[in-house]
Amino acid sequence: MASHEREIENLLYTYAERIDLGDFEGVADLFEHAAITTPDAEPGPGGRQAALEIYQRSTRLYEDGTPKTKHVTTNVLIEVDEAAQTAAARSYFTVFQRLDDFPLQPIIAGRYHDRFERVEGQWRFAERMMLPELLGDLSRHLLFDLTV
């Protein structure tokens, strides 16, 4: 049986896999009970539909249905409160991208601050705060201009 920490890590890595596959429906499923925020944004309504809209409005997809990226999640630190059935995680992310006319390169790096809750024996996201810190050439990835 997997530990609580491992189950939470698997959620972090599942997110990376789904976003790189262009599976916005699958990403939205992960955030069905969660809000996605940034430090300077007003908290939104959260939930599956809000998450789906965030990714559809912000992430460029290519002819193969993917964003041509690899999201790498590292430096994962997880704190579980077993009594409360909640957890918090901090991790780093680096996103790499390559296209035929765009050499492989890191395009953004930063941190995730996530909160989780355990409901009916399953861990799920309760909140994700994205903290972008290092910006590269995001012109081929995002559908909007990002500044930090």
C-alpha atoms as a PDB file:
ATOM      1  CA  MET A   1       0.000   0.000   0.000  1.00  0.00           C
ATOM      2  CA  ALA A   2       1.315   3.418  -0.970  1.00  0.00           C
ATOM      3  CA  SER A   3       2.084   5.970   1.698  1.00  0.00           C
ATOM      4  CA  HIS A   4       0.119   9.192   1.907  1.00  0.00           C
ATOM      5  CA  GLU A   5       3.156  11.073   0.631  1.00  0.00           C
ATOM      6  CA  ARG A   6       3.502   8.786  -2.388  1.00  0.00           C
ATOM      7  CA  GLU A   7      -0.197   9.125  -3.250  1.00  0.00           C
ATOM      8  CA  ILE A   8       0.160  12.912  -3.149  1.00  0.00           C
ATOM      9  CA  GLU A   9       3.332  12.792  -5.260  1.00  0.00           C
ATOM     10  CA  ASN A  10       1.403  10.752  -7.810  1.00  0.00           C
ATOM     11  CA  LEU A  11      -1.172  13.551  -8.062  1.00  0.00           C
ATOM     12  CA  LEU A  12       1.631  16.055  -8.740  1.00  0.00           C
ATOM     13  CA  TYR A  13       3.111  13.859 -11.457  1.00  0.00           C
ATOM     14  CA  THR A  14      -0.286  13.039 -12.960  1.00  0.00           C
ATOM     15  CA  TYR A  15      -0.863  16.757 -13.439  1.00  0.00           C
ATOM     16  CA  ALA A  16       2.449  17.082 -15.324  1.00  0.00           C
ATOM     17  CA  GLU A  17       1.649  14.094 -17.517  1.00  0.00           C
ATOM     18  CA  ARG A  18      -1.859  15.296 -18.385  1.00  0.00           C
ATOM     19  CA  ILE A  19      -0.858  18.868 -19.201  1.00  0.00           C
ATOM     20  CA  ASP A  20       1.951  17.647 -21.475  1.00  0.00           C
ATOM     21  CA  LEU A  21      -0.507  15.367 -23.287  1.00  0.00           C
ATOM     22  CA  GLY A  22      -2.838  18.331 -23.835  1.00  0.00           C
ATOM     23  CA  ASP A  23      -5.439  16.501 -21.747  1.00  0.00           C
ATOM     24  CA  PHE A  24      -7.200  19.563 -20.340  1.00  0.00           C
ATOM     25  CA  GLU A  25     -10.243  17.467 -19.424  1.00  0.00           C
ATOM     26  CA  GLY A  26      -7.985  15.226 -17.330  1.00  0.00           C
ATOM     27  CA  VAL A  27      -6.306  18.243 -15.728  1.00  0.00           C
ATOM     28  CA  ALA A  28      -9.732  19.677 -14.908  1.00  0.00           C
ATOM     29  CA  ASP A  29     -10.695  16.365 -13.290  1.00  0.00           C
ATOM     30  CA  LEU A  30      -7.730  16.737 -10.913  1.00  0.00           C
ATOM     31  CA  PHE A  31      -9.009  20.159  -9.809  1.00  0.00           C
ATOM     32  CA  GLU A  32     -12.690  19.230  -9.536  1.00  0.00           C
ATOM     33  CA  HIS A  33     -12.656  20.175  -5.841  1.00  0.00           C
ATOM     34  CA  ALA A  34      -9.874  22.756  -5.949  1.00  0.00           C
ATOM     35  CA  ALA A  35      -9.066  26.338  -6.775  1.00  0.00           C
ATOM     36  CA  ILE A  36      -6.083  27.359  -8.897  1.00  0.00           C
ATOM     37  CA  THR A  37      -4.535  30.651  -7.820  1.00  0.00           C
ATOM     38  CA  THR A  38      -1.517  32.905  -8.147  1.00  0.00           C
ATOM     39  CA  PRO A  39      -0.212  35.269  -5.450  1.00  0.00           C
ATOM     40  CA  ASP A  40      -1.567  38.418  -7.117  1.00  0.00           C
ATOM     41  CA  ALA A  41      -4.899  37.052  -8.386  1.00  0.00           C
ATOM     42  CA  GLU A  42      -8.234  37.204  -6.667  1.00  0.00           C
ATOM     43  CA  PRO A  43      -9.381  33.700  -5.718  1.00  0.00           C
ATOM     44  CA  GLY A  44     -11.722  32.345  -8.357  1.00  0.00           C
ATOM     45  CA  PRO A  45     -14.644  30.001  -7.973  1.00  0.00           C
ATOM     46  CA  GLY A  46     -12.531  26.868  -8.325  1.00  0.00           C
ATOM     47  CA  GLY A  47     -13.860  23.564  -9.512  1.00  0.00           C
ATOM     48  CA  ARG A  48     -13.628  21.502 -12.648  1.00  0.00           C
ATOM     49  CA  GLN A  49     -15.172  23.974 -15.102  1.00  0.00           C
ATOM     50  CA  ALA A  50     -13.026  26.871 -13.887  1.00  0.00           C
ATOM     51  CA  ALA A  51      -9.868  24.744 -14.226  1.00  0.00           C
ATOM     52  CA  LEU A  52     -10.841  23.614 -17.720  1.00  0.00           C
ATOM     53  CA  GLU A  53     -11.418  27.222 -18.799  1.00  0.00           C
ATOM     54  CA  ILE A  54      -8.076  28.340 -17.350  1.00  0.00           C
ATOM     55  CA  TYR A  55      -6.149  25.813 -19.449  1.00  0.00           C
ATOM     56  CA  GLN A  56      -8.218  26.268 -22.603  1.00  0.00           C
ATOM     57  CA  ARG A  57      -7.751  30.059 -22.432  1.00  0.00           C
ATOM     58  CA  SER A  58      -4.061  30.032 -21.577  1.00  0.00           C
ATOM     59  CA  THR A  59      -2.235  27.094 -23.172  1.00  0.00           C
ATOM     60  CA  ARG A  60      -1.402  26.810 -26.874  1.00  0.00           C
ATOM     61  CA  LEU A  61      -1.950  23.386 -28.422  1.00  0.00           C
ATOM     62  CA  TYR A  62      -0.345  22.156 -31.637  1.00  0.00           C
ATOM     63  CA  GLU A  63      -1.507  19.901 -34.472  1.00  0.00           C
ATOM     64  CA  ASP A  64      -0.857  16.770 -32.402  1.00  0.00           C
ATOM     65  CA  GLY A  65      -3.097  18.103 -29.607  1.00  0.00           C
ATOM     66  CA  THR A  66      -0.218  18.744 -27.183  1.00  0.00           C
ATOM     67  CA  PRO A  67       1.555  21.920 -26.047  1.00  0.00           C
ATOM     68  CA  LYS A  68       4.918  20.346 -27.014  1.00  0.00           C
ATOM     69  CA  THR A  69       6.124  20.679 -23.416  1.00  0.00           C
ATOM     70  CA  LYS A  70       7.522  18.601 -20.588  1.00  0.00           C
ATOM     71  CA  HIS A  71       6.610  19.739 -17.087  1.00  0.00           C
ATOM     72  CA  VAL A  72       9.213  18.502 -14.612  1.00  0.00           C
ATOM     73  CA  THR A  73       8.263  18.563 -10.916  1.00  0.00           C
ATOM     74  CA  THR A  74      11.073  18.319  -8.364  1.00  0.00           C
ATOM     75  CA  ASN A  75      12.062  19.166  -4.786  1.00  0.00           C
ATOM     76  CA  VAL A  76       8.742  17.877  -3.474  1.00  0.00           C
ATOM     77  CA  LEU A  77       8.157  18.498   0.229  1.00  0.00           C
ATOM     78  CA  ILE A  78       4.955  17.080   1.720  1.00  0.00           C
ATOM     79  CA  GLU A  79       3.506  17.583   5.193  1.00  0.00           C
ATOM     80  CA  VAL A  80       0.566  15.347   6.114  1.00  0.00           C
ATOM     81  CA  ASP A  81      -1.860  16.038   8.957  1.00  0.00           C
ATOM     82  CA  GLU A  82      -3.336  12.580   9.407  1.00  0.00           C
ATOM     83  CA  ALA A  83      -5.807  13.682  12.083  1.00  0.00           C
ATOM     84  CA  ALA A  84      -7.284  16.374   9.831  1.00  0.00           C
ATOM     85  CA  GLN A  85      -6.904  14.262   6.656  1.00  0.00           C
ATOM     86  CA  THR A  86      -5.183  17.185   4.947  1.00  0.00           C
ATOM     87  CA  ALA A  87      -1.751  17.793   3.507  1.00  0.00           C
ATOM     88  CA  ALA A  88       0.375  20.582   2.098  1.00  0.00           C
ATOM     89  CA  ALA A  89       3.076  20.270  -0.536  1.00  0.00           C
ATOM     90  CA  ARG A  90       5.696  22.598  -1.920  1.00  0.00           C
ATOM     91  CA  SER A  91       7.521  21.739  -5.111  1.00  0.00           C
ATOM     92  CA  TYR A  92       9.505  23.236  -7.963  1.00  0.00           C
ATOM     93  CA  PHE A  93       8.470  23.076 -11.585  1.00  0.00           C
ATOM     94  CA  THR A  94      10.423  23.587 -14.785  1.00  0.00           C
ATOM     95  CA  VAL A  95       8.743  23.506 -18.171  1.00  0.00           C
ATOM     96  CA  PHE A  96      10.726  22.582 -21.271  1.00  0.00           C
ATOM     97  CA  GLN A  97       9.513  23.073 -24.818  1.00  0.00           C
ATOM     98  CA  ARG A  98      10.713  22.141 -28.288  1.00  0.00           C
ATOM     99  CA  LEU A  99       9.242  22.710 -31.738  1.00  0.00           C
ATOM    100  CA  ASP A 100      10.702  22.210 -35.200  1.00  0.00           C
ATOM    101  CA  ASP A 101      11.757  25.871 -35.304  1.00  0.00           C
ATOM    102  CA  PHE A 102      12.266  26.303 -31.551  1.00  0.00           C
ATOM    103  CA  PRO A 103      15.171  24.439 -29.940  1.00  0.00           C
ATOM    104  CA  LEU A 104      14.685  22.525 -26.690  1.00  0.00           C
ATOM    105  CA  GLN A 105      14.838  24.967 -23.800  1.00  0.00           C
ATOM    106  CA  PRO A 106      13.402  25.748 -20.378  1.00  0.00           C
ATOM    107  CA  ILE A 107      10.627  28.302 -20.835  1.00  0.00           C
ATOM    108  CA  ILE A 108       9.460  28.821 -17.244  1.00  0.00           C
ATOM    109  CA  ALA A 109      10.353  27.714 -13.724  1.00  0.00           C
ATOM    110  CA  GLY A 110       8.807  28.339 -10.363  1.00  0.00           C
ATOM    111  CA  ARG A 111       7.049  26.735  -7.432  1.00  0.00           C
ATOM    112  CA  TYR A 112       3.729  25.114  -6.644  1.00  0.00           C
ATOM    113  CA  HIS A 113       2.167  25.425  -3.201  1.00  0.00           C
ATOM    114  CA  ASP A 114      -0.566  22.811  -3.020  1.00  0.00           C
ATOM    115  CA  ARG A 115      -3.129  21.818  -0.429  1.00  0.00           C
ATOM    116  CA  PHE A 116      -4.795  18.411  -0.420  1.00  0.00           C
ATOM    117  CA  GLU A 117      -7.660  16.745   1.385  1.00  0.00           C
ATOM    118  CA  ARG A 118      -8.435  13.080   1.860  1.00  0.00           C
ATOM    119  CA  VAL A 119     -12.061  12.165   1.193  1.00  0.00           C
ATOM    120  CA  GLU A 120     -13.396   8.605   1.335  1.00  0.00           C
ATOM    121  CA  GLY A 121      -9.828   7.288   1.402  1.00  0.00           C
ATOM    122  CA  GLN A 122      -8.631   9.231  -1.665  1.00  0.00           C
ATOM    123  CA  TRP A 123      -6.327  12.236  -1.768  1.00  0.00           C
ATOM    124  CA  ARG A 124      -7.369  15.126  -3.986  1.00  0.00           C
ATOM    125  CA  PHE A 125      -6.257  18.678  -4.709  1.00  0.00           C
ATOM    126  CA  ALA A 126      -7.920  21.357  -2.573  1.00  0.00           C
ATOM    127  CA  GLU A 127      -5.846  24.294  -3.855  1.00  0.00           C
ATOM    128  CA  ARG A 128      -2.919  24.968  -6.162  1.00  0.00           C
ATOM    129  CA  MET A 129      -1.003  28.214  -6.003  1.00  0.00           C
ATOM    130  CA  MET A 130       1.319  28.708  -8.958  1.00  0.00           C
ATOM    131  CA  LEU A 131       4.340  30.886  -8.285  1.00  0.00           C
ATOM    132  CA  PRO A 132       6.177  31.560 -11.565  1.00  0.00           C
ATOM    133  CA  GLU A 133       9.650  32.917 -10.883  1.00  0.00           C
ATOM    134  CA  LEU A 134      11.947  32.492 -13.898  1.00  0.00           C
ATOM    135  CA  LEU A 135      10.542  33.308 -17.318  1.00  0.00           C
ATOM    136  CA  GLY A 136      12.014  32.344 -20.656  1.00  0.00           C
ATOM    137  CA  ASP A 137      10.436  32.486 -24.108  1.00  0.00           C
ATOM    138  CA  LEU A 138       6.772  31.685 -23.447  1.00  0.00           C
ATOM    139  CA  SER A 139       5.572  32.915 -26.849  1.00  0.00           C
ATOM    140  CA  ARG A 140       5.051  29.380 -28.147  1.00  0.00           C
ATOM    141  CA  HIS A 141       3.363  28.086 -24.982  1.00  0.00           C
ATOM    142  CA  LEU A 142       0.969  30.621 -23.494  1.00  0.00           C
ATOM    143  CA  LEU A 143      -1.863  32.469 -25.198  1.00  0.00           C
ATOM    144  CA  PHE A 144      -1.240  35.552 -23.040  1.00  0.00           C
ATOM    145  CA  ASP A 145       1.749  37.592 -21.848  1.00  0.00           C
ATOM    146  CA  LEU A 146       3.063  36.607 -18.429  1.00  0.00           C
ATOM    147  CA  THR A 147       5.228  38.841 -16.270  1.00  0.00           C
ATOM    148  CA  VAL A 148       6.533  38.355 -12.751  1.00  0.00           C
END
